[in-house]
């Protein structure tokens, strides 16, 4: 066999590290760490998989420790490499779905329970337009905002877009659409998990102050149209804690009582549920966040997910770093 030379070993360590840092795909880092012990040491000891994850999803900075029960005796650097490399893959291969599980509260509700936030969980039915929406209370001020809060399907998921369907009343003259003027989204976790053992919907109370919102989206204009409107986030967002707030800003439509209302027929939060392969646990109060990884569940979920290309790592690394044209 011809002798082969590892060009990395001819480079200064900081140059080799610089080349590997140019990779923006966790799969490439995993393959790079499999080329040789020298490459593996650079990737693992410098925490490149974790740094790539943090660079792509800054929300992960709130995680204070990583737990992998199946590898309790592993070195921290090795464990972090496995967990964050797997997490990066999950962000792109786990199936997309609506991640809203349950409504939590509305800042106000008109004619409760007929026009409750619970109605926004059901997609618009063209034959049952009455009673299939949430409505705010009426206001004389068109600037009065409203909020809807939802619990997501997991305490750890990545959200890519929020979809909102304003309600159109086909029984009123002119068929008015009661949309908000604008919308904004927040994601986060409870200040205290114990305080959520309460039915805010039944009590008709707002739960906004029960949460710490760690992400706030830009403000998006809402069209005054009877359709499911998609609001794609600038970048996918990791929601650590599993709660979503929809802030409805401005009112554009008056009803027959000469007051402004906002009505929503349906809400979706499209993303990827990361559990049961990954989960987060909060201390009480939540100033310590643990990320738990189950490698067995991860492998099982991957078997029904996407695939990753198998290009040769050295060739792809050379191209991305500029060594090859």
C-alpha atoms as a PDB file:
ATOM      1  CA  UNK A   1       0.000   0.000   0.000  1.00  0.00           C
ATOM      2  CA  UNK A   2       1.136   3.529  -0.669  1.00  0.00           C
ATOM      3  CA  UNK A   3       2.108   5.472   2.406  1.00  0.00           C
ATOM      4  CA  UNK A   4      -0.366   8.236   3.243  1.00  0.00           C
ATOM      5  CA  UNK A   5       0.453  11.500   4.969  1.00  0.00           C
ATOM      6  CA  UNK A   6      -1.914  13.347   7.271  1.00  0.00           C
ATOM      7  CA  UNK A   7      -1.447  16.947   6.152  1.00  0.00           C
ATOM      8  CA  UNK A   8      -2.783  18.177   9.506  1.00  0.00           C
ATOM      9  CA  UNK A   9       0.313  16.862  11.253  1.00  0.00           C
ATOM     10  CA  UNK A  10       2.436  19.128   9.063  1.00  0.00           C
ATOM     11  CA  UNK A  11       0.540  22.170  10.291  1.00  0.00           C
ATOM     12  CA  UNK A  12       0.868  24.168  13.480  1.00  0.00           C
ATOM     13  CA  UNK A  13      -1.863  23.094  15.966  1.00  0.00           C
ATOM     14  CA  UNK A  14      -3.541  26.493  15.858  1.00  0.00           C
ATOM     15  CA  UNK A  15      -3.716  26.344  12.042  1.00  0.00           C
ATOM     16  CA  UNK A  16      -5.297  22.874  12.118  1.00  0.00           C
ATOM     17  CA  UNK A  17      -7.793  24.145  14.705  1.00  0.00           C
ATOM     18  CA  UNK A  18      -8.585  27.154  12.524  1.00  0.00           C
ATOM     19  CA  UNK A  19      -9.365  24.892   9.553  1.00  0.00           C
ATOM     20  CA  UNK A  20     -11.709  22.669  11.567  1.00  0.00           C
ATOM     21  CA  UNK A  21     -13.417  25.707  13.053  1.00  0.00           C
ATOM     22  CA  UNK A  22     -14.473  26.673   9.520  1.00  0.00           C
ATOM     23  CA  UNK A  23     -16.815  23.687   9.375  1.00  0.00           C
ATOM     24  CA  UNK A  24     -20.476  24.632   9.761  1.00  0.00           C
ATOM     25  CA  UNK A  25     -21.931  21.110   9.675  1.00  0.00           C
ATOM     26  CA  UNK A  26     -21.896  18.919  12.781  1.00  0.00           C
ATOM     27  CA  UNK A  27     -21.786  15.797  10.589  1.00  0.00           C
ATOM     28  CA  UNK A  28     -18.465  17.000   9.153  1.00  0.00           C
ATOM     29  CA  UNK A  29     -17.057  17.435  12.650  1.00  0.00           C
ATOM     30  CA  UNK A  30     -18.121  13.915  13.587  1.00  0.00           C
ATOM     31  CA  UNK A  31     -16.469  12.491  10.475  1.00  0.00           C
ATOM     32  CA  UNK A  32     -13.379  14.599  11.055  1.00  0.00           C
ATOM     33  CA  UNK A  33     -13.031  13.194  14.555  1.00  0.00           C
ATOM     34  CA  UNK A  34     -13.070   9.687  13.025  1.00  0.00           C
ATOM     35  CA  UNK A  35     -10.181  10.286  10.598  1.00  0.00           C
ATOM     36  CA  UNK A  36      -7.418   9.790  13.157  1.00  0.00           C
ATOM     37  CA  UNK A  37      -6.645  10.193  16.831  1.00  0.00           C
ATOM     38  CA  UNK A  38      -4.920  13.475  16.033  1.00  0.00           C
ATOM     39  CA  UNK A  39      -8.012  14.899  14.339  1.00  0.00           C
ATOM     40  CA  UNK A  40     -10.227  13.520  17.088  1.00  0.00           C
ATOM     41  CA  UNK A  41      -8.153  15.219  19.768  1.00  0.00           C
ATOM     42  CA  UNK A  42      -8.458  18.596  18.027  1.00  0.00           C
ATOM     43  CA  UNK A  43     -12.239  18.316  17.621  1.00  0.00           C
ATOM     44  CA  UNK A  44     -13.003  16.915  21.073  1.00  0.00           C
ATOM     45  CA  UNK A  45     -10.507  18.734  23.278  1.00  0.00           C
ATOM     46  CA  UNK A  46     -11.492  22.108  21.803  1.00  0.00           C
ATOM     47  CA  UNK A  47     -15.218  21.439  22.127  1.00  0.00           C
ATOM     48  CA  UNK A  48     -15.878  22.236  18.459  1.00  0.00           C
ATOM     49  CA  UNK A  49     -19.261  20.468  18.327  1.00  0.00           C
ATOM     50  CA  UNK A  50     -20.503  22.436  21.324  1.00  0.00           C
ATOM     51  CA  UNK A  51     -19.174  25.726  19.939  1.00  0.00           C
ATOM     52  CA  UNK A  52     -20.869  25.080  16.587  1.00  0.00           C
ATOM     53  CA  UNK A  53     -24.163  24.369  18.357  1.00  0.00           C
ATOM     54  CA  UNK A  54     -23.867  27.524  20.455  1.00  0.00           C
ATOM     55  CA  UNK A  55     -23.002  29.594  17.406  1.00  0.00           C
ATOM     56  CA  UNK A  56     -26.061  28.334  15.532  1.00  0.00           C
ATOM     57  CA  UNK A  57     -28.448  28.405  18.507  1.00  0.00           C
ATOM     58  CA  UNK A  58     -27.381  31.026  21.082  1.00  0.00           C
ATOM     59  CA  UNK A  59     -30.337  30.051  23.293  1.00  0.00           C
ATOM     60  CA  UNK A  60     -28.288  26.993  24.340  1.00  0.00           C
ATOM     61  CA  UNK A  61     -26.068  29.282  26.423  1.00  0.00           C
ATOM     62  CA  UNK A  62     -28.592  28.933  29.265  1.00  0.00           C
ATOM     63  CA  UNK A  63     -27.685  25.234  29.670  1.00  0.00           C
ATOM     64  CA  UNK A  64     -25.376  24.862  32.645  1.00  0.00           C
ATOM     65  CA  UNK A  65     -24.567  21.150  32.483  1.00  0.00           C
ATOM     66  CA  UNK A  66     -24.947  18.067  30.293  1.00  0.00           C
ATOM     67  CA  UNK A  67     -26.073  14.677  31.606  1.00  0.00           C
ATOM     68  CA  UNK A  68     -25.690  11.400  29.711  1.00  0.00           C
ATOM     69  CA  UNK A  69     -26.699   8.516  32.033  1.00  0.00           C
ATOM     70  CA  UNK A  70     -25.349   5.829  29.690  1.00  0.00           C
ATOM     71  CA  UNK A  71     -21.836   7.345  29.846  1.00  0.00           C
ATOM     72  CA  UNK A  72     -21.493   8.508  33.444  1.00  0.00           C
ATOM     73  CA  UNK A  73     -17.774   7.776  33.488  1.00  0.00           C
ATOM     74  CA  UNK A  74     -16.895   9.690  30.325  1.00  0.00           C
ATOM     75  CA  UNK A  75     -14.659  12.713  30.327  1.00  0.00           C
ATOM     76  CA  UNK A  76     -16.593  15.970  30.093  1.00  0.00           C
ATOM     77  CA  UNK A  77     -15.073  16.889  26.730  1.00  0.00           C
ATOM     78  CA  UNK A  78     -15.949  13.503  25.198  1.00  0.00           C
ATOM     79  CA  UNK A  79     -19.493  13.619  26.568  1.00  0.00           C
ATOM     80  CA  UNK A  80     -20.082  17.155  25.308  1.00  0.00           C
ATOM     81  CA  UNK A  81     -18.806  16.156  21.862  1.00  0.00           C
ATOM     82  CA  UNK A  82     -21.252  13.243  21.630  1.00  0.00           C
ATOM     83  CA  UNK A  83     -24.222  15.170  22.980  1.00  0.00           C
ATOM     84  CA  UNK A  84     -23.817  18.385  20.992  1.00  0.00           C
ATOM     85  CA  UNK A  85     -22.943  16.554  17.770  1.00  0.00           C
ATOM     86  CA  UNK A  86     -26.115  14.480  18.149  1.00  0.00           C
ATOM     87  CA  UNK A  87     -28.125  17.577  19.025  1.00  0.00           C
ATOM     88  CA  UNK A  88     -26.950  19.370  15.885  1.00  0.00           C
ATOM     89  CA  UNK A  89     -28.092  16.435  13.811  1.00  0.00           C
ATOM     90  CA  UNK A  90     -31.470  16.326  15.551  1.00  0.00           C
ATOM     91  CA  UNK A  91     -32.059  19.990  14.687  1.00  0.00           C
ATOM     92  CA  UNK A  92     -32.142  19.122  10.995  1.00  0.00           C
ATOM     93  CA  UNK A  93     -33.319  15.491  10.792  1.00  0.00           C
ATOM     94  CA  UNK A  94     -36.121  15.112  13.337  1.00  0.00           C
ATOM     95  CA  UNK A  95     -39.541  15.498  11.645  1.00  0.00           C
ATOM     96  CA  UNK A  96     -41.297  18.857  11.413  1.00  0.00           C
ATOM     97  CA  UNK A  97     -44.683  19.085  13.135  1.00  0.00           C
ATOM     98  CA  UNK A  98     -47.017  21.441  14.947  1.00  0.00           C
ATOM     99  CA  UNK A  99     -45.448  21.763  18.402  1.00  0.00           C
ATOM    100  CA  UNK A 100     -48.349  23.358  20.277  1.00  0.00           C
ATOM    101  CA  UNK A 101     -49.775  21.007  22.905  1.00  0.00           C
ATOM    102  CA  UNK A 102     -52.192  23.048  25.032  1.00  0.00           C
ATOM    103  CA  UNK A 103     -53.395  26.618  25.536  1.00  0.00           C
ATOM    104  CA  UNK A 104     -52.422  28.206  28.857  1.00  0.00           C
ATOM    105  CA  UNK A 105     -54.040  31.633  28.992  1.00  0.00           C
ATOM    106  CA  UNK A 106     -55.449  34.599  27.076  1.00  0.00           C
ATOM    107  CA  UNK A 107     -55.109  38.196  28.209  1.00  0.00           C
ATOM    108  CA  UNK A 108     -58.874  38.547  27.747  1.00  0.00           C
ATOM    109  CA  UNK A 109     -61.795  36.566  26.328  1.00  0.00           C
ATOM    110  CA  UNK A 110     -65.152  37.772  25.081  1.00  0.00           C
ATOM    111  CA  UNK A 111     -68.204  35.602  25.778  1.00  0.00           C
ATOM    112  CA  UNK A 112     -66.251  32.880  27.605  1.00  0.00           C
ATOM    113  CA  UNK A 113     -66.290  29.903  27.127  1.00  0.00           C
ATOM    114  CA  UNK A 114     -67.838  30.136  23.635  1.00  0.00           C
ATOM    115  CA  UNK A 115     -64.911  32.235  22.359  1.00  0.00           C
ATOM    116  CA  UNK A 116     -62.124  30.674  24.431  1.00  0.00           C
ATOM    117  CA  UNK A 117     -58.459  30.298  23.434  1.00  0.00           C
ATOM    118  CA  UNK A 118     -59.157  26.544  23.395  1.00  0.00           C
ATOM    119  CA  UNK A 119     -60.875  27.060  20.026  1.00  0.00           C
ATOM    120  CA  UNK A 120     -57.571  28.094  18.402  1.00  0.00           C
ATOM    121  CA  UNK A 121     -56.317  24.525  18.693  1.00  0.00           C
ATOM    122  CA  UNK A 122     -58.695  23.355  15.952  1.00  0.00           C
ATOM    123  CA  UNK A 123     -58.021  24.274  12.287  1.00  0.00           C
ATOM    124  CA  UNK A 124     -60.625  26.467  10.602  1.00  0.00           C
ATOM    125  CA  UNK A 125     -63.648  24.452   9.466  1.00  0.00           C
ATOM    126  CA  UNK A 126     -65.491  26.063   6.567  1.00  0.00           C
ATOM    127  CA  UNK A 127     -68.794  24.601   7.812  1.00  0.00           C
ATOM    128  CA  UNK A 128     -68.383  25.578  11.482  1.00  0.00           C
ATOM    129  CA  UNK A 129     -67.134  29.153  11.435  1.00  0.00           C
ATOM    130  CA  UNK A 130     -69.156  30.152  14.506  1.00  0.00           C
ATOM    131  CA  UNK A 131     -67.670  29.050  17.824  1.00  0.00           C
ATOM    132  CA  UNK A 132     -64.333  27.996  16.302  1.00  0.00           C
ATOM    133  CA  UNK A 133     -62.274  31.027  17.296  1.00  0.00           C
ATOM    134  CA  UNK A 134     -60.946  33.053  20.215  1.00  0.00           C
ATOM    135  CA  UNK A 135     -62.080  36.638  20.629  1.00  0.00           C
ATOM    136  CA  UNK A 136     -60.648  39.388  22.779  1.00  0.00           C
ATOM    137  CA  UNK A 137     -62.867  41.730  24.717  1.00  0.00           C
ATOM    138  CA  UNK A 138     -63.850  44.872  22.865  1.00  0.00           C
ATOM    139  CA  UNK A 139     -61.807  48.046  23.298  1.00  0.00           C
ATOM    140  CA  UNK A 140     -62.294  51.685  22.435  1.00  0.00           C
ATOM    141  CA  UNK A 141     -58.529  51.997  21.902  1.00  0.00           C
ATOM    142  CA  UNK A 142     -57.210  50.422  18.657  1.00  0.00           C
ATOM    143  CA  UNK A 143     -53.740  50.153  20.249  1.00  0.00           C
ATOM    144  CA  UNK A 144     -54.831  47.774  23.034  1.00  0.00           C
ATOM    145  CA  UNK A 145     -52.688  44.608  22.733  1.00  0.00           C
ATOM    146  CA  UNK A 146     -53.623  41.025  23.548  1.00  0.00           C
ATOM    147  CA  UNK A 147     -51.567  37.925  24.334  1.00  0.00           C
ATOM    148  CA  UNK A 148     -52.099  34.198  23.932  1.00  0.00           C
ATOM    149  CA  UNK A 149     -49.861  31.724  25.802  1.00  0.00           C
ATOM    150  CA  UNK A 150     -49.377  28.080  24.830  1.00  0.00           C
ATOM    151  CA  UNK A 151     -47.558  25.053  26.228  1.00  0.00           C
ATOM    152  CA  UNK A 152     -45.466  23.260  23.589  1.00  0.00           C
ATOM    153  CA  UNK A 153     -45.291  19.499  23.082  1.00  0.00           C
ATOM    154  CA  UNK A 154     -41.896  19.319  24.797  1.00  0.00           C
ATOM    155  CA  UNK A 155     -39.802  21.434  27.135  1.00  0.00           C
ATOM    156  CA  UNK A 156     -37.021  21.271  24.541  1.00  0.00           C
ATOM    157  CA  UNK A 157     -37.785  21.845  20.861  1.00  0.00           C
ATOM    158  CA  UNK A 158     -36.692  23.981  17.920  1.00  0.00           C
ATOM    159  CA  UNK A 159     -39.292  26.280  16.338  1.00  0.00           C
ATOM    160  CA  UNK A 160     -38.971  27.503  12.759  1.00  0.00           C
ATOM    161  CA  UNK A 161     -42.221  29.388  12.125  1.00  0.00           C
ATOM    162  CA  UNK A 162     -45.501  30.431  13.735  1.00  0.00           C
ATOM    163  CA  UNK A 163     -48.741  30.276  11.758  1.00  0.00           C
ATOM    164  CA  UNK A 164     -51.777  32.404  12.576  1.00  0.00           C
ATOM    165  CA  UNK A 165     -55.275  32.362  11.060  1.00  0.00           C
ATOM    166  CA  UNK A 166     -57.367  35.502  11.766  1.00  0.00           C
ATOM    167  CA  UNK A 167     -61.111  34.967  12.053  1.00  0.00           C
ATOM    168  CA  UNK A 168     -63.571  36.241   9.443  1.00  0.00           C
ATOM    169  CA  UNK A 169     -67.209  36.666  10.438  1.00  0.00           C
ATOM    170  CA  UNK A 170     -69.387  35.767   7.465  1.00  0.00           C
ATOM    171  CA  UNK A 171     -72.552  36.691   9.354  1.00  0.00           C
ATOM    172  CA  UNK A 172     -71.714  40.394   9.773  1.00  0.00           C
ATOM    173  CA  UNK A 173     -72.178  42.928   6.938  1.00  0.00           C
ATOM    174  CA  UNK A 174     -69.025  43.238   4.861  1.00  0.00           C
ATOM    175  CA  UNK A 175     -67.643  39.911   6.165  1.00  0.00           C
ATOM    176  CA  UNK A 176     -65.060  41.606   8.479  1.00  0.00           C
ATOM    177  CA  UNK A 177     -61.741  39.951   9.358  1.00  0.00           C
ATOM    178  CA  UNK A 178     -60.774  40.620  12.971  1.00  0.00           C
ATOM    179  CA  UNK A 179     -56.990  40.436  12.616  1.00  0.00           C
ATOM    180  CA  UNK A 180     -54.426  42.313  14.671  1.00  0.00           C
ATOM    181  CA  UNK A 181     -52.273  44.887  12.933  1.00  0.00           C
ATOM    182  CA  UNK A 182     -49.026  43.174  13.898  1.00  0.00           C
ATOM    183  CA  UNK A 183     -47.775  40.131  15.777  1.00  0.00           C
ATOM    184  CA  UNK A 184     -44.712  39.251  17.841  1.00  0.00           C
ATOM    185  CA  UNK A 185     -43.607  35.964  19.424  1.00  0.00           C
ATOM    186  CA  UNK A 186     -41.797  35.105  22.643  1.00  0.00           C
ATOM    187  CA  UNK A 187     -40.522  31.777  23.963  1.00  0.00           C
ATOM    188  CA  UNK A 188     -39.300  30.792  27.393  1.00  0.00           C
ATOM    189  CA  UNK A 189     -39.926  28.928  30.612  1.00  0.00           C
ATOM    190  CA  UNK A 190     -41.916  29.351  33.840  1.00  0.00           C
ATOM    191  CA  UNK A 191     -40.513  31.390  36.715  1.00  0.00           C
ATOM    192  CA  UNK A 192     -41.806  28.603  38.947  1.00  0.00           C
ATOM    193  CA  UNK A 193     -43.171  25.294  37.688  1.00  0.00           C
ATOM    194  CA  UNK A 194     -45.374  25.018  40.799  1.00  0.00           C
ATOM    195  CA  UNK A 195     -47.299  28.170  39.848  1.00  0.00           C
ATOM    196  CA  UNK A 196     -48.557  26.521  36.670  1.00  0.00           C
ATOM    197  CA  UNK A 197     -50.744  24.053  38.582  1.00  0.00           C
ATOM    198  CA  UNK A 198     -53.624  26.449  38.016  1.00  0.00           C
ATOM    199  CA  UNK A 199     -56.327  26.785  35.370  1.00  0.00           C
ATOM    200  CA  UNK A 200     -55.765  30.294  34.024  1.00  0.00           C
ATOM    201  CA  UNK A 201     -58.293  29.741  31.219  1.00  0.00           C
ATOM    202  CA  UNK A 202     -61.152  28.786  33.530  1.00  0.00           C
ATOM    203  CA  UNK A 203     -60.248  31.643  35.880  1.00  0.00           C
ATOM    204  CA  UNK A 204     -59.980  33.987  32.860  1.00  0.00           C
ATOM    205  CA  UNK A 205     -56.649  35.282  34.132  1.00  0.00           C
ATOM    206  CA  UNK A 206     -53.541  36.217  32.161  1.00  0.00           C
ATOM    207  CA  UNK A 207     -50.395  34.154  32.862  1.00  0.00           C
ATOM    208  CA  UNK A 208     -47.874  36.413  31.085  1.00  0.00           C
ATOM    209  CA  UNK A 209     -46.042  37.380  34.287  1.00  0.00           C
ATOM    210  CA  UNK A 210     -45.500  33.722  35.237  1.00  0.00           C
ATOM    211  CA  UNK A 211     -42.786  33.256  32.603  1.00  0.00           C
ATOM    212  CA  UNK A 212     -39.259  34.307  31.738  1.00  0.00           C
ATOM    213  CA  UNK A 213     -39.178  35.012  28.002  1.00  0.00           C
ATOM    214  CA  UNK A 214     -35.702  34.190  26.713  1.00  0.00           C
ATOM    215  CA  UNK A 215     -36.436  34.874  23.041  1.00  0.00           C
ATOM    216  CA  UNK A 216     -38.367  37.714  21.387  1.00  0.00           C
ATOM    217  CA  UNK A 217     -39.021  37.769  17.634  1.00  0.00           C
ATOM    218  CA  UNK A 218     -39.200  40.776  15.338  1.00  0.00           C
ATOM    219  CA  UNK A 219     -42.612  42.398  14.836  1.00  0.00           C
ATOM    220  CA  UNK A 220     -44.485  41.105  11.752  1.00  0.00           C
ATOM    221  CA  UNK A 221     -47.397  42.791   9.934  1.00  0.00           C
ATOM    222  CA  UNK A 222     -50.589  40.737   9.824  1.00  0.00           C
ATOM    223  CA  UNK A 223     -52.736  40.790   6.691  1.00  0.00           C
ATOM    224  CA  UNK A 224     -56.446  41.416   7.243  1.00  0.00           C
ATOM    225  CA  UNK A 225     -57.280  38.253   5.346  1.00  0.00           C
ATOM    226  CA  UNK A 226     -59.080  35.003   6.085  1.00  0.00           C
ATOM    227  CA  UNK A 227     -56.150  32.616   5.641  1.00  0.00           C
ATOM    228  CA  UNK A 228     -53.459  30.819   7.599  1.00  0.00           C
ATOM    229  CA  UNK A 229     -50.560  33.284   7.584  1.00  0.00           C
ATOM    230  CA  UNK A 230     -46.993  31.996   7.980  1.00  0.00           C
ATOM    231  CA  UNK A 231     -44.421  33.936   9.997  1.00  0.00           C
ATOM    232  CA  UNK A 232     -41.022  32.383   9.429  1.00  0.00           C
ATOM    233  CA  UNK A 233     -38.512  33.224  12.164  1.00  0.00           C
ATOM    234  CA  UNK A 234     -35.227  34.808  10.990  1.00  0.00           C
ATOM    235  CA  UNK A 235     -33.432  31.706  12.301  1.00  0.00           C
ATOM    236  CA  UNK A 236     -34.746  28.524  13.933  1.00  0.00           C
ATOM    237  CA  UNK A 237     -35.092  29.072  17.686  1.00  0.00           C
ATOM    238  CA  UNK A 238     -34.449  26.531  20.423  1.00  0.00           C
ATOM    239  CA  UNK A 239     -37.199  26.887  23.017  1.00  0.00           C
ATOM    240  CA  UNK A 240     -35.800  25.816  26.386  1.00  0.00           C
ATOM    241  CA  UNK A 241     -38.742  25.501  28.732  1.00  0.00           C
ATOM    242  CA  UNK A 242     -41.554  24.806  26.283  1.00  0.00           C
ATOM    243  CA  UNK A 243     -43.785  27.906  26.351  1.00  0.00           C
ATOM    244  CA  UNK A 244     -44.845  30.271  23.572  1.00  0.00           C
ATOM    245  CA  UNK A 245     -46.448  33.703  23.817  1.00  0.00           C
ATOM    246  CA  UNK A 246     -48.199  35.292  20.841  1.00  0.00           C
ATOM    247  CA  UNK A 247     -48.468  39.056  21.231  1.00  0.00           C
ATOM    248  CA  UNK A 248     -51.177  40.621  19.064  1.00  0.00           C
ATOM    249  CA  UNK A 249     -50.457  44.318  18.510  1.00  0.00           C
ATOM    250  CA  UNK A 250     -52.997  46.833  17.274  1.00  0.00           C
ATOM    251  CA  UNK A 251     -56.637  46.417  16.249  1.00  0.00           C
ATOM    252  CA  UNK A 252     -58.000  47.136  12.799  1.00  0.00           C
ATOM    253  CA  UNK A 253     -61.645  46.063  12.877  1.00  0.00           C
ATOM    254  CA  UNK A 254     -64.676  47.411  14.741  1.00  0.00           C
ATOM    255  CA  UNK A 255     -67.752  45.302  15.496  1.00  0.00           C
ATOM    256  CA  UNK A 256     -71.384  46.409  15.548  1.00  0.00           C
ATOM    257  CA  UNK A 257     -70.959  47.709  19.132  1.00  0.00           C
ATOM    258  CA  UNK A 258     -68.396  50.222  17.795  1.00  0.00           C
ATOM    259  CA  UNK A 259     -65.523  48.556  19.700  1.00  0.00           C
ATOM    260  CA  UNK A 260     -62.321  47.068  18.300  1.00  0.00           C
ATOM    261  CA  UNK A 261     -61.761  43.289  18.565  1.00  0.00           C
ATOM    262  CA  UNK A 262     -59.074  40.745  17.704  1.00  0.00           C
ATOM    263  CA  UNK A 263     -60.215  37.228  16.808  1.00  0.00           C
ATOM    264  CA  UNK A 264     -57.995  34.229  16.020  1.00  0.00           C
ATOM    265  CA  UNK A 265     -59.288  31.009  14.463  1.00  0.00           C
ATOM    266  CA  UNK A 266     -56.178  28.839  14.599  1.00  0.00           C
ATOM    267  CA  UNK A 267     -52.533  28.895  15.724  1.00  0.00           C
ATOM    268  CA  UNK A 268     -49.597  26.596  14.880  1.00  0.00           C
ATOM    269  CA  UNK A 269     -45.952  26.528  15.965  1.00  0.00           C
ATOM    270  CA  UNK A 270     -44.007  24.503  13.412  1.00  0.00           C
ATOM    271  CA  UNK A 271     -40.782  22.891  14.547  1.00  0.00           C
ATOM    272  CA  UNK A 272     -39.003  19.770  15.721  1.00  0.00           C
ATOM    273  CA  UNK A 273     -39.724  18.066  19.024  1.00  0.00           C
ATOM    274  CA  UNK A 274     -36.382  16.929  20.486  1.00  0.00           C
ATOM    275  CA  UNK A 275     -37.664  14.654  23.241  1.00  0.00           C
ATOM    276  CA  UNK A 276     -37.377  11.886  24.302  1.00  0.00           C
ATOM    277  CA  UNK A 277     -33.816  11.807  22.960  1.00  0.00           C
ATOM    278  CA  UNK A 278     -33.138  15.171  24.614  1.00  0.00           C
ATOM    279  CA  UNK A 279     -34.797  16.843  27.562  1.00  0.00           C
ATOM    280  CA  UNK A 280     -34.113  19.720  29.930  1.00  0.00           C
ATOM    281  CA  UNK A 281     -34.578  19.973  33.667  1.00  0.00           C
ATOM    282  CA  UNK A 282     -34.766  23.185  35.680  1.00  0.00           C
ATOM    283  CA  UNK A 283     -33.824  23.691  39.284  1.00  0.00           C
ATOM    284  CA  UNK A 284     -36.294  25.586  41.477  1.00  0.00           C
ATOM    285  CA  UNK A 285     -35.958  28.517  41.030  1.00  0.00           C
ATOM    286  CA  UNK A 286     -34.767  27.840  37.444  1.00  0.00           C
ATOM    287  CA  UNK A 287     -31.211  29.151  37.586  1.00  0.00           C
ATOM    288  CA  UNK A 288     -29.671  25.776  36.714  1.00  0.00           C
ATOM    289  CA  UNK A 289     -30.630  24.022  33.465  1.00  0.00           C
ATOM    290  CA  UNK A 290     -29.554  20.448  32.751  1.00  0.00           C
ATOM    291  CA  UNK A 291     -29.563  18.941  29.263  1.00  0.00           C
ATOM    292  CA  UNK A 292     -30.181  15.185  29.319  1.00  0.00           C
ATOM    293  CA  UNK A 293     -29.253  12.943  26.399  1.00  0.00           C
ATOM    294  CA  UNK A 294     -30.530   9.424  25.715  1.00  0.00           C
ATOM    295  CA  UNK A 295     -28.384   7.865  22.976  1.00  0.00           C
ATOM    296  CA  UNK A 296     -30.713   4.871  22.571  1.00  0.00           C
ATOM    297  CA  UNK A 297     -33.747   7.075  21.947  1.00  0.00           C
ATOM    298  CA  UNK A 298     -31.691   9.238  19.594  1.00  0.00           C
ATOM    299  CA  UNK A 299     -30.730   6.208  17.479  1.00  0.00           C
ATOM    300  CA  UNK A 300     -34.312   5.011  17.412  1.00  0.00           C
ATOM    301  CA  UNK A 301     -35.618   8.394  16.247  1.00  0.00           C
ATOM    302  CA  UNK A 302     -32.912   8.693  13.613  1.00  0.00           C
ATOM    303  CA  UNK A 303     -33.984   5.405  12.076  1.00  0.00           C
ATOM    304  CA  UNK A 304     -37.201   7.111  10.979  1.00  0.00           C
ATOM    305  CA  UNK A 305     -35.628  10.487  10.195  1.00  0.00           C
ATOM    306  CA  UNK A 306     -33.429  11.917   7.450  1.00  0.00           C
ATOM    307  CA  UNK A 307     -30.020  10.791   6.307  1.00  0.00           C
ATOM    308  CA  UNK A 308     -26.679  12.538   6.170  1.00  0.00           C
ATOM    309  CA  UNK A 309     -24.441  12.431   3.114  1.00  0.00           C
ATOM    310  CA  UNK A 310     -21.236  10.440   3.326  1.00  0.00           C
ATOM    311  CA  UNK A 311     -18.713  12.643   1.534  1.00  0.00           C
ATOM    312  CA  UNK A 312     -15.077  12.061   2.436  1.00  0.00           C
ATOM    313  CA  UNK A 313     -14.264  14.312   5.408  1.00  0.00           C
ATOM    314  CA  UNK A 314     -10.757  15.332   4.341  1.00  0.00           C
ATOM    315  CA  UNK A 315     -11.980  16.482   0.915  1.00  0.00           C
ATOM    316  CA  UNK A 316     -14.921  18.488   2.290  1.00  0.00           C
ATOM    317  CA  UNK A 317     -12.758  20.048   5.000  1.00  0.00           C
ATOM    318  CA  UNK A 318     -10.126  21.069   2.492  1.00  0.00           C
ATOM    319  CA  UNK A 319     -12.726  22.716   0.258  1.00  0.00           C
ATOM    320  CA  UNK A 320     -14.417  24.600   3.104  1.00  0.00           C
ATOM    321  CA  UNK A 321     -11.156  25.822   4.579  1.00  0.00           C
ATOM    322  CA  UNK A 322      -9.855  27.038   1.209  1.00  0.00           C
ATOM    323  CA  UNK A 323      -7.006  24.536   0.958  1.00  0.00           C
ATOM    324  CA  UNK A 324      -8.593  23.298  -2.284  1.00  0.00           C
ATOM    325  CA  UNK A 325     -10.241  25.505  -4.889  1.00  0.00           C
END
